[in-house]
């Protein structure tokens, strides 16, 4: 692939093609390509699933921290700690 700049437009020339094409025409071809659409869909769905997993984990972590903090008695409260029993 050879890139040439002429008249403020970038033209992309592939060895197997006779006529260079603009970047916008290449993007249009990729947008209509089934494999490109499949790759984009896979990328977006992967990002959505990863976001959902990380969001759920963050929520579980927040609930666990709140439960742990709620289980710690205050300084002024009586504690029901058991003493060490002799053997």
N, C-alpha and C. Protein backbone atom coordinates (compact mmCIF):
# COMPACT_ATOMS: atom_id res chain seq x y z
N UNK A 1 0.85 -1.17 0.00
CA UNK A 1 0.00 0.00 0.00
C UNK A 1 0.90 1.23 0.00
N UNK A 2 0.61 2.16 -0.87
CA UNK A 2 1.38 3.39 -0.98
C UNK A 2 0.43 4.55 -0.75
N UNK A 3 0.85 5.46 0.10
CA UNK A 3 0.01 6.65 0.34
C UNK A 3 0.68 7.86 -0.30
N UNK A 4 -0.12 8.61 -1.01
CA UNK A 4 0.38 9.81 -1.65
C UNK A 4 -0.51 10.98 -1.27
N UNK A 5 0.10 12.12 -1.12
CA UNK A 5 -0.67 13.32 -0.78
C UNK A 5 -0.64 14.26 -1.99
N UNK A 6 -1.81 14.51 -2.53
CA UNK A 6 -1.89 15.43 -3.64
C UNK A 6 -3.19 16.22 -3.55
N UNK A 7 -3.07 17.53 -3.73
CA UNK A 7 -4.22 18.42 -3.71
C UNK A 7 -5.00 18.30 -2.40
N UNK A 8 -4.29 18.29 -1.30
CA UNK A 8 -4.82 18.27 0.07
C UNK A 8 -5.73 17.08 0.38
N UNK A 9 -5.75 16.08 -0.45
CA UNK A 9 -6.51 14.85 -0.18
C UNK A 9 -5.53 13.70 -0.10
N UNK A 10 -5.75 12.86 0.86
CA UNK A 10 -4.91 11.67 0.97
C UNK A 10 -5.56 10.58 0.14
N UNK A 11 -4.78 10.01 -0.74
CA UNK A 11 -5.28 8.93 -1.57
C UNK A 11 -4.54 7.65 -1.19
N UNK A 12 -5.29 6.59 -1.06
CA UNK A 12 -4.72 5.30 -0.70
C UNK A 12 -4.69 4.45 -1.96
N UNK A 13 -3.53 3.93 -2.28
CA UNK A 13 -3.38 3.13 -3.49
C UNK A 13 -2.92 1.73 -3.10
N UNK A 14 -3.72 0.74 -3.41
CA UNK A 14 -3.37 -0.64 -3.15
C UNK A 14 -2.74 -1.21 -4.42
N UNK A 15 -1.80 -2.10 -4.24
CA UNK A 15 -1.03 -2.63 -5.37
C UNK A 15 -1.93 -3.33 -6.38
N UNK A 16 -2.99 -3.99 -5.91
CA UNK A 16 -3.84 -4.73 -6.84
C UNK A 16 -4.87 -3.85 -7.54
N UNK A 17 -4.95 -2.59 -7.16
CA UNK A 17 -5.91 -1.68 -7.79
C UNK A 17 -5.20 -0.75 -8.75
N UNK A 18 -5.90 -0.35 -9.77
CA UNK A 18 -5.32 0.57 -10.73
C UNK A 18 -5.51 2.02 -10.33
N UNK A 19 -6.64 2.32 -9.69
CA UNK A 19 -6.96 3.70 -9.39
C UNK A 19 -6.97 3.92 -7.87
N UNK A 20 -6.26 4.93 -7.40
CA UNK A 20 -6.28 5.21 -5.96
C UNK A 20 -7.66 5.71 -5.53
N UNK A 21 -7.95 5.52 -4.26
CA UNK A 21 -9.25 5.99 -3.76
C UNK A 21 -9.03 6.83 -2.52
N UNK A 22 -10.00 7.64 -2.20
CA UNK A 22 -9.88 8.52 -1.04
C UNK A 22 -10.17 7.73 0.23
N UNK A 23 -9.77 8.31 1.34
CA UNK A 23 -9.99 7.66 2.64
C UNK A 23 -11.48 7.52 2.92
N UNK A 24 -12.29 8.49 2.51
CA UNK A 24 -13.72 8.40 2.76
C UNK A 24 -14.36 7.25 1.99
N UNK A 25 -13.89 7.00 0.77
CA UNK A 25 -14.46 5.87 0.03
C UNK A 25 -14.03 4.54 0.66
N UNK A 26 -12.81 4.50 1.20
CA UNK A 26 -12.35 3.29 1.89
C UNK A 26 -13.19 3.06 3.15
N UNK A 27 -13.49 4.13 3.89
CA UNK A 27 -14.33 4.00 5.08
C UNK A 27 -15.74 3.55 4.72
N UNK A 28 -16.26 4.07 3.62
CA UNK A 28 -17.59 3.65 3.19
C UNK A 28 -17.60 2.17 2.82
N UNK A 29 -16.55 1.71 2.18
CA UNK A 29 -16.48 0.29 1.82
C UNK A 29 -16.38 -0.57 3.07
N UNK A 30 -15.59 -0.13 4.06
CA UNK A 30 -15.46 -0.89 5.29
C UNK A 30 -16.77 -0.89 6.08
N UNK A 31 -17.52 0.20 6.03
CA UNK A 31 -18.80 0.27 6.73
C UNK A 31 -19.81 -0.69 6.12
N UNK A 32 -19.70 -0.94 4.83
CA UNK A 32 -20.63 -1.87 4.19
C UNK A 32 -20.11 -3.30 4.21
N UNK A 33 -18.91 -3.50 4.69
CA UNK A 33 -18.32 -4.83 4.75
C UNK A 33 -18.93 -5.63 5.90
N UNK A 34 -19.34 -6.84 5.62
CA UNK A 34 -19.97 -7.69 6.63
C UNK A 34 -18.98 -8.06 7.74
N UNK A 35 -17.74 -8.34 7.38
CA UNK A 35 -16.76 -8.71 8.40
C UNK A 35 -16.41 -7.52 9.29
N UNK A 36 -16.36 -6.33 8.73
CA UNK A 36 -16.09 -5.14 9.54
C UNK A 36 -17.25 -4.88 10.50
N UNK A 37 -18.48 -5.07 10.03
CA UNK A 37 -19.65 -4.89 10.90
C UNK A 37 -19.65 -5.93 12.01
N UNK A 38 -19.28 -7.14 11.68
CA UNK A 38 -19.22 -8.20 12.69
C UNK A 38 -18.15 -7.89 13.73
N UNK A 39 -17.01 -7.43 13.29
CA UNK A 39 -15.94 -7.07 14.23
C UNK A 39 -16.35 -5.92 15.13
N UNK A 40 -17.00 -4.91 14.56
CA UNK A 40 -17.46 -3.78 15.36
C UNK A 40 -18.52 -4.21 16.37
N UNK A 41 -19.43 -5.07 15.95
CA UNK A 41 -20.46 -5.58 16.85
C UNK A 41 -19.85 -6.38 17.98
N UNK A 42 -18.87 -7.22 17.67
CA UNK A 42 -18.19 -8.01 18.70
C UNK A 42 -17.47 -7.10 19.68
N UNK A 43 -16.83 -6.07 19.18
CA UNK A 43 -16.11 -5.13 20.04
C UNK A 43 -17.07 -4.40 20.97
N UNK A 44 -18.18 -3.92 20.43
CA UNK A 44 -19.15 -3.20 21.25
C UNK A 44 -19.83 -4.11 22.27
N UNK A 45 -20.18 -5.31 21.86
CA UNK A 45 -20.83 -6.22 22.81
C UNK A 45 -19.85 -6.65 23.90
N UNK A 46 -18.59 -6.85 23.56
CA UNK A 46 -17.58 -7.17 24.56
C UNK A 46 -17.41 -6.05 25.56
N UNK A 47 -17.40 -4.83 25.07
CA UNK A 47 -17.28 -3.67 25.97
C UNK A 47 -18.51 -3.56 26.88
N UNK A 48 -19.69 -3.83 26.35
CA UNK A 48 -20.90 -3.77 27.16
C UNK A 48 -20.91 -4.85 28.25
N UNK A 49 -20.49 -6.05 27.89
CA UNK A 49 -20.45 -7.14 28.87
C UNK A 49 -19.40 -6.85 29.94
N UNK A 50 -18.23 -6.37 29.53
CA UNK A 50 -17.18 -6.03 30.49
C UNK A 50 -17.66 -4.92 31.44
N UNK A 51 -18.34 -3.93 30.91
CA UNK A 51 -18.87 -2.85 31.74
C UNK A 51 -19.89 -3.36 32.73
N UNK A 52 -20.76 -4.27 32.28
CA UNK A 52 -21.76 -4.84 33.19
C UNK A 52 -21.10 -5.66 34.29
N UNK A 53 -20.12 -6.46 33.94
CA UNK A 53 -19.42 -7.29 34.94
C UNK A 53 -18.72 -6.40 35.96
N UNK A 54 -17.98 -5.40 35.50
CA UNK A 54 -17.28 -4.52 36.42
C UNK A 54 -18.26 -3.72 37.28
N UNK A 55 -19.38 -3.33 36.71
CA UNK A 55 -20.39 -2.60 37.48
C UNK A 55 -20.99 -3.45 38.58
N UNK A 56 -21.32 -4.70 38.27
CA UNK A 56 -21.89 -5.60 39.28
C UNK A 56 -20.87 -5.89 40.37
N UNK A 57 -19.60 -6.11 40.00
CA UNK A 57 -18.56 -6.35 41.00
C UNK A 57 -18.38 -5.14 41.91
N UNK A 58 -18.43 -3.95 41.36
CA UNK A 58 -18.30 -2.74 42.18
C UNK A 58 -19.47 -2.62 43.14
N UNK A 59 -20.66 -2.96 42.69
CA UNK A 59 -21.84 -2.90 43.55
C UNK A 59 -21.72 -3.92 44.69
N UNK A 60 -21.30 -5.14 44.37
CA UNK A 60 -21.12 -6.17 45.41
C UNK A 60 -20.05 -5.74 46.41
N UNK A 61 -18.98 -5.16 45.92
CA UNK A 61 -17.91 -4.69 46.80
C UNK A 61 -18.41 -3.60 47.74
N UNK A 62 -19.21 -2.69 47.22
CA UNK A 62 -19.76 -1.60 48.03
C UNK A 62 -20.68 -2.15 49.11
N UNK A 63 -21.52 -3.11 48.76
CA UNK A 63 -22.42 -3.73 49.75
C UNK A 63 -21.61 -4.46 50.82
N UNK A 64 -20.57 -5.18 50.42
CA UNK A 64 -19.73 -5.91 51.38
C UNK A 64 -19.03 -4.95 52.34
N UNK A 65 -18.54 -3.83 51.84
CA UNK A 65 -17.87 -2.85 52.69
C UNK A 65 -18.87 -2.24 53.67
N UNK A 66 -20.07 -1.91 53.21
CA UNK A 66 -21.09 -1.35 54.10
C UNK A 66 -21.49 -2.35 55.18
N UNK A 67 -21.62 -3.64 54.82
CA UNK A 67 -21.94 -4.66 55.81
C UNK A 67 -20.82 -4.81 56.84
N UNK A 68 -19.58 -4.77 56.38
CA UNK A 68 -18.44 -4.89 57.28
C UNK A 68 -18.38 -3.70 58.24
N UNK A 69 -18.58 -2.52 57.71
CA UNK A 69 -18.56 -1.32 58.56
C UNK A 69 -19.69 -1.34 59.57
N UNK A 70 -20.85 -1.83 59.15
CA UNK A 70 -22.00 -1.90 60.07
C UNK A 70 -21.78 -2.93 61.17
N UNK A 71 -20.94 -3.94 60.93
CA UNK A 71 -20.72 -4.99 61.93
C UNK A 71 -19.70 -4.57 62.99
N UNK A 72 -18.98 -3.50 62.77
CA UNK A 72 -17.99 -3.04 63.75
C UNK A 72 -18.70 -2.20 64.79
N UNK A 73 -18.60 -2.58 66.08
CA UNK A 73 -19.26 -1.80 67.12
C UNK A 73 -18.54 -0.47 67.35
N UNK A 74 -19.29 0.50 67.84
CA UNK A 74 -18.71 1.79 68.13
C UNK A 74 -17.80 1.72 69.34
N UNK A 75 -17.04 2.76 69.56
CA UNK A 75 -16.10 2.78 70.67
C UNK A 75 -16.85 2.80 72.00
N UNK A 76 -17.95 3.52 72.10
CA UNK A 76 -18.69 3.65 73.35
C UNK A 76 -19.62 2.49 73.62
N UNK A 77 -19.85 1.63 72.67
CA UNK A 77 -20.78 0.52 72.84
C UNK A 77 -20.14 -0.62 73.61
N UNK A 78 -20.99 -1.33 74.37
CA UNK A 78 -20.50 -2.52 75.06
C UNK A 78 -20.21 -3.60 74.03
N UNK A 79 -19.13 -4.29 74.24
CA UNK A 79 -18.75 -5.35 73.33
C UNK A 79 -18.96 -6.69 74.02
N UNK A 80 -19.44 -7.63 73.30
CA UNK A 80 -19.67 -8.95 73.85
C UNK A 80 -18.56 -9.90 73.45
N UNK A 81 -17.33 -9.46 73.67
CA UNK A 81 -16.19 -10.31 73.32
C UNK A 81 -16.01 -11.36 74.40
N UNK A 82 -15.72 -12.56 73.98
CA UNK A 82 -15.48 -13.64 74.93
C UNK A 82 -14.02 -13.62 75.33
N UNK A 83 -13.80 -13.86 76.61
CA UNK A 83 -12.43 -13.94 77.10
C UNK A 83 -11.80 -15.28 76.72
N UNK A 84 -10.53 -15.36 76.88
CA UNK A 84 -9.81 -16.60 76.58
C UNK A 84 -10.04 -17.55 77.75
N UNK A 85 -10.49 -18.75 77.47
CA UNK A 85 -10.72 -19.74 78.52
C UNK A 85 -9.45 -20.52 78.81
N UNK A 86 -9.22 -20.82 80.05
CA UNK A 86 -8.03 -21.62 80.37
C UNK A 86 -8.24 -23.06 79.93
N UNK A 87 -7.18 -23.73 79.63
CA UNK A 87 -7.25 -25.11 79.18
C UNK A 87 -7.39 -26.05 80.32
